[in-house]
Amino acid sequence: MNEHPHDREIDVRGFNCPMPILKTKKALADMQSGQVLRILATDPGSTRDFQAFAKQTGHRLLGQSESGGEFTHWLQVK
């Protein structure tokens, strides 16, 4: 797994689109520029969703991984 240091973590496992993105937006709003948020998800579409989210918002997608049906995403606040 490609781990990244992170400042905060949210667990959106069990939620499907759009909830992981909505909960991520809320978490990012409380973070400072340059901080990293780690998101734990189970929605297979989350990989594509977070790629699109990063493009649309300007936050930097540092990495994504999948293990045993669980997806981890790292976003750096713009």
PDB file of N, CA and C in Angstrom:
ATOM      1  N   MET A   1       0.844  -1.180   0.000  1.00  0.00           N
ATOM      2  CA  MET A   1       0.000   0.000   0.000  1.00  0.00           C
ATOM      3  C   MET A   1       0.883   1.235   0.000  1.00  0.00           C
ATOM      4  N   ASN A   2       0.463   2.242  -0.698  1.00  0.00           N
ATOM      5  CA  ASN A   2       1.198   3.484  -0.831  1.00  0.00           C
ATOM      6  C   ASN A   2       0.708   4.460   0.238  1.00  0.00           C
ATOM      7  N   GLU A   3       1.321   4.427   1.420  1.00  0.00           N
ATOM      8  CA  GLU A   3       0.893   5.275   2.536  1.00  0.00           C
ATOM      9  C   GLU A   3       1.450   6.692   2.396  1.00  0.00           C
ATOM     10  N   HIS A   4       0.672   7.645   2.850  1.00  0.00           N
ATOM     11  CA  HIS A   4       1.092   9.045   2.885  1.00  0.00           C
ATOM     12  C   HIS A   4       0.852   9.560   4.299  1.00  0.00           C
ATOM     13  N   PRO A   5       1.761  10.379   4.823  1.00  0.00           N
ATOM     14  CA  PRO A   5       1.486  10.997   6.123  1.00  0.00           C
ATOM     15  C   PRO A   5       0.224  11.847   5.998  1.00  0.00           C
ATOM     16  N   HIS A   6      -0.579  11.900   7.047  1.00  0.00           N
ATOM     17  CA  HIS A   6      -1.807  12.685   6.969  1.00  0.00           C
ATOM     18  C   HIS A   6      -2.079  13.381   8.288  1.00  0.00           C
ATOM     19  N   ASP A   7      -2.846  14.469   8.203  1.00  0.00           N
ATOM     20  CA  ASP A   7      -3.180  15.280   9.372  1.00  0.00           C
ATOM     21  C   ASP A   7      -4.522  14.893   9.966  1.00  0.00           C
ATOM     22  N   ARG A   8      -5.384  14.352   9.143  1.00  0.00           N
ATOM     23  CA  ARG A   8      -6.736  14.003   9.579  1.00  0.00           C
ATOM     24  C   ARG A   8      -7.222  12.819   8.759  1.00  0.00           C
ATOM     25  N   GLU A   9      -8.162  12.073   9.343  1.00  0.00           N
ATOM     26  CA  GLU A   9      -8.718  10.907   8.652  1.00  0.00           C
ATOM     27  C   GLU A   9     -10.226  10.903   8.829  1.00  0.00           C
ATOM     28  N   ILE A  10     -10.942  10.547   7.755  1.00  0.00           N
ATOM     29  CA  ILE A  10     -12.380  10.320   7.881  1.00  0.00           C
ATOM     30  C   ILE A  10     -12.697   8.928   7.359  1.00  0.00           C
ATOM     31  N   ASP A  11     -13.698   8.317   7.970  1.00  0.00           N
ATOM     32  CA  ASP A  11     -14.120   6.968   7.613  1.00  0.00           C
ATOM     33  C   ASP A  11     -15.504   7.059   6.983  1.00  0.00           C
ATOM     34  N   VAL A  12     -15.555   6.832   5.667  1.00  0.00           N
ATOM     35  CA  VAL A  12     -16.836   6.860   4.951  1.00  0.00           C
ATOM     36  C   VAL A  12     -17.178   5.473   4.421  1.00  0.00           C
ATOM     37  N   ARG A  13     -16.601   4.453   5.058  1.00  0.00           N
ATOM     38  CA  ARG A  13     -16.900   3.079   4.662  1.00  0.00           C
ATOM     39  C   ARG A  13     -18.384   2.814   4.907  1.00  0.00           C
ATOM     40  N   GLY A  14     -19.009   2.121   3.943  1.00  0.00           N
ATOM     41  CA  GLY A  14     -20.431   1.825   4.048  1.00  0.00           C
ATOM     42  C   GLY A  14     -21.318   2.857   3.372  1.00  0.00           C
ATOM     43  N   PHE A  15     -20.736   3.989   3.005  1.00  0.00           N
ATOM     44  CA  PHE A  15     -21.504   5.032   2.310  1.00  0.00           C
ATOM     45  C   PHE A  15     -21.250   4.958   0.816  1.00  0.00           C
ATOM     46  N   ASN A  16     -22.274   5.253   0.036  1.00  0.00           N
ATOM     47  CA  ASN A  16     -22.142   5.325  -1.417  1.00  0.00           C
ATOM     48  C   ASN A  16     -22.291   6.765  -1.864  1.00  0.00           C
ATOM     49  N   CYS A  17     -21.908   7.020  -3.096  1.00  0.00           N
ATOM     50  CA  CYS A  17     -21.976   8.341  -3.698  1.00  0.00           C
ATOM     51  C   CYS A  17     -23.386   8.906  -3.505  1.00  0.00           C
ATOM     52  N   PRO A  18     -23.522  10.147  -3.116  1.00  0.00           N
ATOM     53  CA  PRO A  18     -22.506  11.209  -2.996  1.00  0.00           C
ATOM     54  C   PRO A  18     -21.950  11.401  -1.585  1.00  0.00           C
ATOM     55  N   MET A  19     -22.334  10.581  -0.633  1.00  0.00           N
ATOM     56  CA  MET A  19     -21.942  10.822   0.765  1.00  0.00           C
ATOM     57  C   MET A  19     -20.427  10.904   1.003  1.00  0.00           C
ATOM     58  N   PRO A  20     -19.590  10.028   0.427  1.00  0.00           N
ATOM     59  CA  PRO A  20     -18.147  10.186   0.673  1.00  0.00           C
ATOM     60  C   PRO A  20     -17.615  11.559   0.260  1.00  0.00           C
ATOM     61  N   ILE A  21     -18.088  12.061  -0.866  1.00  0.00           N
ATOM     62  CA  ILE A  21     -17.636  13.378  -1.338  1.00  0.00           C
ATOM     63  C   ILE A  21     -18.168  14.476  -0.420  1.00  0.00           C
ATOM     64  N   LEU A  22     -19.430  14.388  -0.035  1.00  0.00           N
ATOM     65  CA  LEU A  22     -20.013  15.420   0.837  1.00  0.00           C
ATOM     66  C   LEU A  22     -19.308  15.461   2.188  1.00  0.00           C
ATOM     67  N   LYS A  23     -19.021  14.307   2.759  1.00  0.00           N
ATOM     68  CA  LYS A  23     -18.324  14.259   4.044  1.00  0.00           C
ATOM     69  C   LYS A  23     -16.876  14.747   3.891  1.00  0.00           C
ATOM     70  N   THR A  24     -16.270  14.482   2.740  1.00  0.00           N
ATOM     71  CA  THR A  24     -14.917  14.976   2.466  1.00  0.00           C
ATOM     72  C   THR A  24     -14.909  16.491   2.371  1.00  0.00           C
ATOM     73  N   LYS A  25     -15.871  17.062   1.657  1.00  0.00           N
ATOM     74  CA  LYS A  25     -15.958  18.524   1.534  1.00  0.00           C
ATOM     75  C   LYS A  25     -16.035  19.171   2.906  1.00  0.00           C
ATOM     76  N   LYS A  26     -16.875  18.600   3.780  1.00  0.00           N
ATOM     77  CA  LYS A  26     -17.042  19.145   5.128  1.00  0.00           C
ATOM     78  C   LYS A  26     -15.728  19.064   5.911  1.00  0.00           C
ATOM     79  N   ALA A  27     -15.032  17.941   5.827  1.00  0.00           N
ATOM     80  CA  ALA A  27     -13.761  17.774   6.538  1.00  0.00           C
ATOM     81  C   ALA A  27     -12.712  18.747   6.016  1.00  0.00           C
ATOM     82  N   LEU A  28     -12.625  18.903   4.703  1.00  0.00           N
ATOM     83  CA  LEU A  28     -11.624  19.789   4.102  1.00  0.00           C
ATOM     84  C   LEU A  28     -11.844  21.243   4.497  1.00  0.00           C
ATOM     85  N   ALA A  29     -13.094  21.623   4.705  1.00  0.00           N
ATOM     86  CA  ALA A  29     -13.415  23.008   5.071  1.00  0.00           C
ATOM     87  C   ALA A  29     -12.809  23.391   6.419  1.00  0.00           C
ATOM     88  N   ASP A  30     -12.557  22.405   7.281  1.00  0.00           N
ATOM     89  CA  ASP A  30     -11.993  22.659   8.602  1.00  0.00           C
ATOM     90  C   ASP A  30     -10.476  22.483   8.637  1.00  0.00           C
ATOM     91  N   MET A  31      -9.857  22.326   7.474  1.00  0.00           N
ATOM     92  CA  MET A  31      -8.417  22.073   7.423  1.00  0.00           C
ATOM     93  C   MET A  31      -7.678  23.252   6.790  1.00  0.00           C
ATOM     94  N   GLN A  32      -6.378  23.324   7.079  1.00  0.00           N
ATOM     95  CA  GLN A  32      -5.526  24.394   6.565  1.00  0.00           C
ATOM     96  C   GLN A  32      -4.882  23.980   5.244  1.00  0.00           C
ATOM     97  N   SER A  33      -4.520  24.961   4.445  1.00  0.00           N
ATOM     98  CA  SER A  33      -3.830  24.711   3.187  1.00  0.00           C
ATOM     99  C   SER A  33      -2.565  23.890   3.431  1.00  0.00           C
ATOM    100  N   GLY A  34      -2.381  22.841   2.623  1.00  0.00           N
ATOM    101  CA  GLY A  34      -1.206  21.988   2.730  1.00  0.00           C
ATOM    102  C   GLY A  34      -1.416  20.755   3.593  1.00  0.00           C
ATOM    103  N   GLN A  35      -2.459  20.754   4.415  1.00  0.00           N
ATOM    104  CA  GLN A  35      -2.728  19.579   5.240  1.00  0.00           C
ATOM    105  C   GLN A  35      -3.276  18.447   4.375  1.00  0.00           C
ATOM    106  N   VAL A  36      -3.124  17.223   4.869  1.00  0.00           N
ATOM    107  CA  VAL A  36      -3.526  16.035   4.115  1.00  0.00           C
ATOM    108  C   VAL A  36      -4.647  15.304   4.853  1.00  0.00           C
ATOM    109  N   LEU A  37      -5.679  14.965   4.091  1.00  0.00           N
ATOM    110  CA  LEU A  37      -6.819  14.208   4.597  1.00  0.00           C
ATOM    111  C   LEU A  37      -6.771  12.806   4.019  1.00  0.00           C
ATOM    112  N   ARG A  38      -6.879  11.804   4.894  1.00  0.00           N
ATOM    113  CA  ARG A  38      -6.963  10.416   4.438  1.00  0.00           C
ATOM    114  C   ARG A  38      -8.419   9.991   4.539  1.00  0.00           C
ATOM    115  N   ILE A  39      -8.944   9.435   3.448  1.00  0.00           N
ATOM    116  CA  ILE A  39     -10.335   9.013   3.375  1.00  0.00           C
ATOM    117  C   ILE A  39     -10.381   7.498   3.206  1.00  0.00           C
ATOM    118  N   LEU A  40     -11.118   6.819   4.089  1.00  0.00           N
ATOM    119  CA  LEU A  40     -11.321   5.375   4.005  1.00  0.00           C
ATOM    120  C   LEU A  40     -12.716   5.138   3.442  1.00  0.00           C
ATOM    121  N   ALA A  41     -12.815   4.367   2.357  1.00  0.00           N
ATOM    122  CA  ALA A  41     -14.097   4.172   1.675  1.00  0.00           C
ATOM    123  C   ALA A  41     -14.262   2.717   1.232  1.00  0.00           C
ATOM    124  N   THR A  42     -15.504   2.335   0.983  1.00  0.00           N
ATOM    125  CA  THR A  42     -15.790   1.005   0.438  1.00  0.00           C
ATOM    126  C   THR A  42     -16.501   1.088  -0.910  1.00  0.00           C
ATOM    127  N   ASP A  43     -16.901   2.279  -1.318  1.00  0.00           N
ATOM    128  CA  ASP A  43     -17.597   2.463  -2.596  1.00  0.00           C
ATOM    129  C   ASP A  43     -16.587   2.310  -3.733  1.00  0.00           C
ATOM    130  N   PRO A  44     -16.769   1.288  -4.608  1.00  0.00           N
ATOM    131  CA  PRO A  44     -15.821   1.101  -5.718  1.00  0.00           C
ATOM    132  C   PRO A  44     -15.731   2.317  -6.641  1.00  0.00           C
ATOM    133  N   GLY A  45     -16.786   3.102  -6.711  1.00  0.00           N
ATOM    134  CA  GLY A  45     -16.777   4.300  -7.550  1.00  0.00           C
ATOM    135  C   GLY A  45     -15.998   5.445  -6.939  1.00  0.00           C
ATOM    136  N   SER A  46     -15.563   5.285  -5.692  1.00  0.00           N
ATOM    137  CA  SER A  46     -14.879   6.390  -5.020  1.00  0.00           C
ATOM    138  C   SER A  46     -13.551   6.743  -5.689  1.00  0.00           C
ATOM    139  N   THR A  47     -12.901   5.767  -6.301  1.00  0.00           N
ATOM    140  CA  THR A  47     -11.636   6.057  -6.989  1.00  0.00           C
ATOM    141  C   THR A  47     -11.857   7.095  -8.081  1.00  0.00           C
ATOM    142  N   ARG A  48     -12.811   6.838  -8.913  1.00  0.00           N
ATOM    143  CA  ARG A  48     -13.150   7.780  -9.993  1.00  0.00           C
ATOM    144  C   ARG A  48     -13.703   9.094  -9.422  1.00  0.00           C
ATOM    145  N   ASP A  49     -14.548   8.985  -8.407  1.00  0.00           N
ATOM    146  CA  ASP A  49     -15.163  10.179  -7.817  1.00  0.00           C
ATOM    147  C   ASP A  49     -14.121  11.129  -7.243  1.00  0.00           C
ATOM    148  N   PHE A  50     -13.134  10.588  -6.529  1.00  0.00           N
ATOM    149  CA  PHE A  50     -12.129  11.464  -5.929  1.00  0.00           C
ATOM    150  C   PHE A  50     -11.163  12.033  -6.965  1.00  0.00           C
ATOM    151  N   GLN A  51     -10.940  11.331  -8.056  1.00  0.00           N
ATOM    152  CA  GLN A  51     -10.137  11.894  -9.144  1.00  0.00           C
ATOM    153  C   GLN A  51     -10.845  13.111  -9.730  1.00  0.00           C
ATOM    154  N   ALA A  52     -12.143  12.972  -9.976  1.00  0.00           N
ATOM    155  CA  ALA A  52     -12.928  14.083 -10.521  1.00  0.00           C
ATOM    156  C   ALA A  52     -13.030  15.228  -9.509  1.00  0.00           C
ATOM    157  N   PHE A  53     -13.234  14.884  -8.240  1.00  0.00           N
ATOM    158  CA  PHE A  53     -13.342  15.888  -7.185  1.00  0.00           C
ATOM    159  C   PHE A  53     -12.070  16.734  -7.107  1.00  0.00           C
ATOM    160  N   ALA A  54     -10.909  16.092  -7.173  1.00  0.00           N
ATOM    161  CA  ALA A  54      -9.639  16.819  -7.111  1.00  0.00           C
ATOM    162  C   ALA A  54      -9.499  17.767  -8.301  1.00  0.00           C
ATOM    163  N   LYS A  55      -9.861  17.298  -9.479  1.00  0.00           N
ATOM    164  CA  LYS A  55      -9.777  18.155 -10.677  1.00  0.00           C
ATOM    165  C   LYS A  55     -10.688  19.367 -10.548  1.00  0.00           C
ATOM    166  N   GLN A  56     -11.895  19.139 -10.054  1.00  0.00           N
ATOM    167  CA  GLN A  56     -12.889  20.215  -9.969  1.00  0.00           C
ATOM    168  C   GLN A  56     -12.579  21.233  -8.876  1.00  0.00           C
ATOM    169  N   THR A  57     -11.980  20.786  -7.781  1.00  0.00           N
ATOM    170  CA  THR A  57     -11.788  21.675  -6.638  1.00  0.00           C
ATOM    171  C   THR A  57     -10.387  22.260  -6.528  1.00  0.00           C
ATOM    172  N   GLY A  58      -9.406  21.637  -7.179  1.00  0.00           N
ATOM    173  CA  GLY A  58      -8.035  22.110  -7.083  1.00  0.00           C
ATOM    174  C   GLY A  58      -7.262  21.496  -5.936  1.00  0.00           C
ATOM    175  N   HIS A  59      -7.923  20.660  -5.117  1.00  0.00           N
ATOM    176  CA  HIS A  59      -7.193  19.931  -4.079  1.00  0.00           C
ATOM    177  C   HIS A  59      -6.327  18.886  -4.782  1.00  0.00           C
ATOM    178  N   ARG A  60      -5.197  18.548  -4.176  1.00  0.00           N
ATOM    179  CA  ARG A  60      -4.256  17.630  -4.818  1.00  0.00           C
ATOM    180  C   ARG A  60      -4.500  16.198  -4.345  1.00  0.00           C
ATOM    181  N   LEU A  61      -4.751  15.308  -5.289  1.00  0.00           N
ATOM    182  CA  LEU A  61      -4.910  13.889  -4.980  1.00  0.00           C
ATOM    183  C   LEU A  61      -3.517  13.282  -4.918  1.00  0.00           C
ATOM    184  N   LEU A  62      -3.070  12.952  -3.704  1.00  0.00           N
ATOM    185  CA  LEU A  62      -1.704  12.452  -3.514  1.00  0.00           C
ATOM    186  C   LEU A  62      -1.582  10.966  -3.825  1.00  0.00           C
ATOM    187  N   GLY A  63      -2.665  10.239  -3.663  1.00  0.00           N
ATOM    188  CA  GLY A  63      -2.596   8.804  -3.920  1.00  0.00           C
ATOM    189  C   GLY A  63      -3.914   8.124  -3.629  1.00  0.00           C
ATOM    190  N   GLN A  64      -4.020   6.903  -4.147  1.00  0.00           N
ATOM    191  CA  GLN A  64      -5.189   6.059  -3.937  1.00  0.00           C
ATOM    192  C   GLN A  64      -4.700   4.619  -3.855  1.00  0.00           C
ATOM    193  N   SER A  65      -5.348   3.836  -3.020  1.00  0.00           N
ATOM    194  CA  SER A  65      -5.013   2.427  -2.962  1.00  0.00           C
ATOM    195  C   SER A  65      -6.268   1.616  -2.671  1.00  0.00           C
ATOM    196  N   GLU A  66      -6.181   0.318  -2.958  1.00  0.00           N
ATOM    197  CA  GLU A  66      -7.300  -0.587  -2.711  1.00  0.00           C
ATOM    198  C   GLU A  66      -6.744  -1.859  -2.104  1.00  0.00           C
ATOM    199  N   SER A  67      -7.427  -2.344  -1.084  1.00  0.00           N
ATOM    200  CA  SER A  67      -7.028  -3.591  -0.456  1.00  0.00           C
ATOM    201  C   SER A  67      -8.267  -4.251   0.136  1.00  0.00           C
ATOM    202  N   GLY A  68      -8.577  -5.438  -0.350  1.00  0.00           N
ATOM    203  CA  GLY A  68      -9.699  -6.195   0.195  1.00  0.00           C
ATOM    204  C   GLY A  68     -11.032  -5.484   0.105  1.00  0.00           C
ATOM    205  N   GLY A  69     -11.239  -4.740  -0.962  1.00  0.00           N
ATOM    206  CA  GLY A  69     -12.509  -4.040  -1.140  1.00  0.00           C
ATOM    207  C   GLY A  69     -12.604  -2.729  -0.378  1.00  0.00           C
ATOM    208  N   GLU A  70     -11.506  -2.307   0.229  1.00  0.00           N
ATOM    209  CA  GLU A  70     -11.480  -1.016   0.898  1.00  0.00           C
ATOM    210  C   GLU A  70     -10.532  -0.091   0.137  1.00  0.00           C
ATOM    211  N   PHE A  71     -10.977   1.139  -0.027  1.00  0.00           N
ATOM    212  CA  PHE A  71     -10.244   2.124  -0.807  1.00  0.00           C
ATOM    213  C   PHE A  71      -9.762   3.232   0.109  1.00  0.00           C
ATOM    214  N   THR A  72      -8.522   3.643  -0.098  1.00  0.00           N
ATOM    215  CA  THR A  72      -7.949   4.746   0.678  1.00  0.00           C
ATOM    216  C   THR A  72      -7.519   5.828  -0.298  1.00  0.00           C
ATOM    217  N   HIS A  73      -7.858   7.057   0.052  1.00  0.00           N
ATOM    218  CA  HIS A  73      -7.548   8.217  -0.800  1.00  0.00           C
ATOM    219  C   HIS A  73      -6.865   9.267   0.080  1.00  0.00           C
ATOM    220  N   TRP A  74      -5.881   9.949  -0.471  1.00  0.00           N
ATOM    221  CA  TRP A  74      -5.200  11.024   0.239  1.00  0.00           C
ATOM    222  C   TRP A  74      -5.359  12.311  -0.561  1.00  0.00           C
ATOM    223  N   LEU A  75      -5.935  13.322   0.060  1.00  0.00           N
ATOM    224  CA  LEU A  75      -6.131  14.622  -0.574  1.00  0.00           C
ATOM    225  C   LEU A  75      -5.376  15.683   0.217  1.00  0.00           C
ATOM    226  N   GLN A  76      -4.644  16.524  -0.499  1.00  0.00           N
ATOM    227  CA  GLN A  76      -3.966  17.653   0.131  1.00  0.00           C
ATOM    228  C   GLN A  76      -4.769  18.915  -0.150  1.00  0.00           C
ATOM    229  N   VAL A  77      -5.044  19.662   0.915  1.00  0.00           N
ATOM    230  CA  VAL A  77      -5.846  20.871   0.801  1.00  0.00           C
ATOM    231  C   VAL A  77      -5.095  21.912  -0.011  1.00  0.00           C
ATOM    232  N   LYS A  78      -5.795  22.539  -0.954  1.00  0.00           N
ATOM    233  CA  LYS A  78      -5.147  23.565  -1.788  1.00  0.00           C
ATOM    234  C   LYS A  78      -4.858  24.813  -0.999  1.00  0.00           C
TER     235      LYS A  78
END
